[in-house]
Amino acid sequence: MIERLEGVPAGVIAFEASGKLSAEDYRDAVLPALVEAAGAGEVRFLIVVRDFDGMSGGALWQDLKVGVEHLRAWKRIALVTDIEWMTHVTSLFGWMTPGETRTFPLDRRDEAVAWVAG
């Protein structure tokens, strides 16, 4: 499941994900917001992940497709999680992601919002 978070600075797209992400979750919630932000010129994306049970193949495909189609629009991505393996993977492979990428623990969410908006 994924839901959009309100109360973030203008220009920031923020979501909280939990459980298993499906292609429908991604298509209906995330995709329209990302396409709109990319069309405006840049994507500043914040994702909060408290628990994660995986991602369907369709959701992964949608994620990769949007990333490639709007490669130059990505400015900053903040991952907010206490899930250790996600932090490690982001540290190892974040350089492959378009734009700047940083991870923050859940208790530093406000810092993540400020960074992604800056």
C-alpha atoms as a PDB file:
ATOM      1  CA  MET A   1       0.000   0.000   0.000  1.00  0.00           C
ATOM      2  CA  ILE A   2       1.159   3.519  -0.739  1.00  0.00           C
ATOM      3  CA  GLU A   3      -0.418   6.842   0.138  1.00  0.00           C
ATOM      4  CA  ARG A   4       0.463  10.428  -0.621  1.00  0.00           C
ATOM      5  CA  LEU A   5       1.635  12.584   2.270  1.00  0.00           C
ATOM      6  CA  GLU A   6       0.383  16.127   2.642  1.00  0.00           C
ATOM      7  CA  GLY A   7       1.996  19.028   4.474  1.00  0.00           C
ATOM      8  CA  VAL A   8       5.317  18.991   2.632  1.00  0.00           C
ATOM      9  CA  PRO A   9       6.923  22.030   0.981  1.00  0.00           C
ATOM     10  CA  ALA A  10       5.804  23.054  -2.495  1.00  0.00           C
ATOM     11  CA  GLY A  11       7.609  21.107  -5.179  1.00  0.00           C
ATOM     12  CA  VAL A  12       8.079  17.993  -3.039  1.00  0.00           C
ATOM     13  CA  ILE A  13       6.191  14.787  -3.771  1.00  0.00           C
ATOM     14  CA  ALA A  14       5.924  12.620  -0.668  1.00  0.00           C
ATOM     15  CA  PHE A  15       4.549   9.138  -0.080  1.00  0.00           C
ATOM     16  CA  GLU A  16       4.457   6.566   2.681  1.00  0.00           C
ATOM     17  CA  ALA A  17       4.662   2.936   1.657  1.00  0.00           C
ATOM     18  CA  SER A  18       3.981  -0.182   3.683  1.00  0.00           C
ATOM     19  CA  GLY A  19       3.372  -3.843   3.041  1.00  0.00           C
ATOM     20  CA  LYS A  20       3.647  -5.086  -0.526  1.00  0.00           C
ATOM     21  CA  LEU A  21       3.495  -2.572  -3.361  1.00  0.00           C
ATOM     22  CA  SER A  22       1.444  -3.553  -6.382  1.00  0.00           C
ATOM     23  CA  ALA A  23       1.490  -2.200  -9.918  1.00  0.00           C
ATOM     24  CA  GLU A  24      -1.945  -0.688  -9.256  1.00  0.00           C
ATOM     25  CA  ASP A  25      -0.705   1.115  -6.130  1.00  0.00           C
ATOM     26  CA  TYR A  26       2.164   2.546  -8.085  1.00  0.00           C
ATOM     27  CA  ARG A  27       0.125   3.384 -11.193  1.00  0.00           C
ATOM     28  CA  ASP A  28      -2.748   5.036  -9.327  1.00  0.00           C
ATOM     29  CA  ALA A  29      -0.868   6.913  -6.587  1.00  0.00           C
ATOM     30  CA  VAL A  30       2.738   7.562  -7.552  1.00  0.00           C
ATOM     31  CA  LEU A  31       2.840   7.677 -11.338  1.00  0.00           C
ATOM     32  CA  PRO A  32       0.500  10.655 -11.901  1.00  0.00           C
ATOM     33  CA  ALA A  33       2.367  12.764  -9.323  1.00  0.00           C
ATOM     34  CA  LEU A  34       5.773  11.907 -10.803  1.00  0.00           C
ATOM     35  CA  VAL A  35       4.700  12.618 -14.368  1.00  0.00           C
ATOM     36  CA  GLU A  36       3.212  15.967 -13.292  1.00  0.00           C
ATOM     37  CA  ALA A  37       6.389  16.958 -11.414  1.00  0.00           C
ATOM     38  CA  ALA A  38       8.622  15.876 -14.296  1.00  0.00           C
ATOM     39  CA  GLY A  39       6.508  17.921 -16.689  1.00  0.00           C
ATOM     40  CA  ALA A  40       7.033  20.951 -14.453  1.00  0.00           C
ATOM     41  CA  GLY A  41      10.785  20.484 -14.753  1.00  0.00           C
ATOM     42  CA  GLU A  42      12.039  18.634 -11.684  1.00  0.00           C
ATOM     43  CA  VAL A  43      11.216  15.837  -9.293  1.00  0.00           C
ATOM     44  CA  ARG A  44      11.932  16.121  -5.572  1.00  0.00           C
ATOM     45  CA  PHE A  45      10.715  12.855  -4.104  1.00  0.00           C
ATOM     46  CA  LEU A  46      10.384  11.738  -0.478  1.00  0.00           C
ATOM     47  CA  ILE A  47       9.396   8.188   0.395  1.00  0.00           C
ATOM     48  CA  VAL A  48       8.803   6.977   3.944  1.00  0.00           C
ATOM     49  CA  VAL A  49       8.974   3.196   4.390  1.00  0.00           C
ATOM     50  CA  ARG A  50       8.079   1.820   7.820  1.00  0.00           C
ATOM     51  CA  ASP A  51       7.661  -1.817   6.738  1.00  0.00           C
ATOM     52  CA  PHE A  52       8.110  -3.492   3.384  1.00  0.00           C
ATOM     53  CA  ASP A  53       6.924  -6.875   2.140  1.00  0.00           C
ATOM     54  CA  GLY A  54       8.106  -6.526  -1.424  1.00  0.00           C
ATOM     55  CA  MET A  55       7.047  -5.144  -4.744  1.00  0.00           C
ATOM     56  CA  SER A  56       5.240  -6.825  -7.580  1.00  0.00           C
ATOM     57  CA  GLY A  57       6.999  -7.145 -10.918  1.00  0.00           C
ATOM     58  CA  GLY A  58       4.501  -4.697 -12.399  1.00  0.00           C
ATOM     59  CA  ALA A  59       5.289  -2.061  -9.769  1.00  0.00           C
ATOM     60  CA  LEU A  60       9.000  -2.498 -10.345  1.00  0.00           C
ATOM     61  CA  TRP A  61       8.507  -2.112 -14.096  1.00  0.00           C
ATOM     62  CA  GLN A  62       6.459   1.090 -13.621  1.00  0.00           C
ATOM     63  CA  ASP A  63       9.178   2.481 -11.342  1.00  0.00           C
ATOM     64  CA  LEU A  64      11.974   1.764 -13.807  1.00  0.00           C
ATOM     65  CA  LYS A  65       9.967   3.086 -16.743  1.00  0.00           C
ATOM     66  CA  VAL A  66       9.196   6.440 -15.081  1.00  0.00           C
ATOM     67  CA  GLY A  67      12.800   6.829 -13.967  1.00  0.00           C
ATOM     68  CA  VAL A  68      14.145   6.341 -17.476  1.00  0.00           C
ATOM     69  CA  GLU A  69      11.464   8.363 -19.287  1.00  0.00           C
ATOM     70  CA  HIS A  70      12.086  11.400 -17.088  1.00  0.00           C
ATOM     71  CA  LEU A  71      15.781  10.891 -16.355  1.00  0.00           C
ATOM     72  CA  ARG A  72      16.792  14.556 -16.400  1.00  0.00           C
ATOM     73  CA  ALA A  73      13.920  15.738 -14.206  1.00  0.00           C
ATOM     74  CA  TRP A  74      15.072  13.925 -11.042  1.00  0.00           C
ATOM     75  CA  LYS A  75      16.744  16.342  -8.606  1.00  0.00           C
ATOM     76  CA  ARG A  76      16.575  14.772  -5.152  1.00  0.00           C
ATOM     77  CA  ILE A  77      15.262  11.556  -3.640  1.00  0.00           C
ATOM     78  CA  ALA A  78      15.029  11.091   0.128  1.00  0.00           C
ATOM     79  CA  LEU A  79      14.381   7.636   1.539  1.00  0.00           C
ATOM     80  CA  VAL A  80      13.193   7.699   5.146  1.00  0.00           C
ATOM     81  CA  THR A  81      13.360   4.267   6.759  1.00  0.00           C
ATOM     82  CA  ASP A  82      14.781   2.209   9.585  1.00  0.00           C
ATOM     83  CA  ILE A  83      14.973  -0.866   7.329  1.00  0.00           C
ATOM     84  CA  GLU A  84      18.683  -1.533   7.330  1.00  0.00           C
ATOM     85  CA  TRP A  85      18.972  -3.367   4.012  1.00  0.00           C
ATOM     86  CA  MET A  86      17.212  -0.495   2.180  1.00  0.00           C
ATOM     87  CA  THR A  87      19.687   1.980   3.616  1.00  0.00           C
ATOM     88  CA  HIS A  88      22.618  -0.212   2.568  1.00  0.00           C
ATOM     89  CA  VAL A  89      21.313  -0.805  -0.952  1.00  0.00           C
ATOM     90  CA  THR A  90      20.691   2.916  -1.416  1.00  0.00           C
ATOM     91  CA  SER A  91      24.205   3.694  -0.197  1.00  0.00           C
ATOM     92  CA  LEU A  92      25.715   1.168  -2.586  1.00  0.00           C
ATOM     93  CA  PHE A  93      23.644   1.897  -5.680  1.00  0.00           C
ATOM     94  CA  GLY A  94      22.349   5.431  -5.144  1.00  0.00           C
ATOM     95  CA  TRP A  95      24.961   6.752  -7.573  1.00  0.00           C
ATOM     96  CA  MET A  96      23.086   4.918 -10.341  1.00  0.00           C
ATOM     97  CA  THR A  97      19.893   6.812  -9.557  1.00  0.00           C
ATOM     98  CA  PRO A  98      19.290  10.064 -11.395  1.00  0.00           C
ATOM     99  CA  GLY A  99      19.657  13.117  -9.151  1.00  0.00           C
ATOM    100  CA  GLU A 100      20.937  13.140  -5.580  1.00  0.00           C
ATOM    101  CA  THR A 101      19.867  10.386  -3.203  1.00  0.00           C
ATOM    102  CA  ARG A 102      20.078  10.285   0.599  1.00  0.00           C
ATOM    103  CA  THR A 103      18.673   8.064   3.317  1.00  0.00           C
ATOM    104  CA  PHE A 104      17.411   9.184   6.698  1.00  0.00           C
ATOM    105  CA  PRO A 105      16.170   7.234   9.732  1.00  0.00           C
ATOM    106  CA  LEU A 106      12.495   7.597  10.633  1.00  0.00           C
ATOM    107  CA  ASP A 107      13.256   9.886  13.562  1.00  0.00           C
ATOM    108  CA  ARG A 108      14.934  12.367  11.181  1.00  0.00           C
ATOM    109  CA  ARG A 109      12.006  12.706   8.799  1.00  0.00           C
ATOM    110  CA  ASP A 110      11.861  16.505   9.193  1.00  0.00           C
ATOM    111  CA  GLU A 111      15.516  16.726   8.191  1.00  0.00           C
ATOM    112  CA  ALA A 112      14.774  14.605   5.113  1.00  0.00           C
ATOM    113  CA  VAL A 113      11.909  16.903   4.114  1.00  0.00           C
ATOM    114  CA  ALA A 114      14.152  19.967   4.460  1.00  0.00           C
ATOM    115  CA  TRP A 115      16.944  18.331   2.450  1.00  0.00           C
ATOM    116  CA  VAL A 116      14.744  17.114  -0.412  1.00  0.00           C
ATOM    117  CA  ALA A 117      13.081  20.544  -0.666  1.00  0.00           C
ATOM    118  CA  GLY A 118      16.416  22.449  -0.606  1.00  0.00           C
END
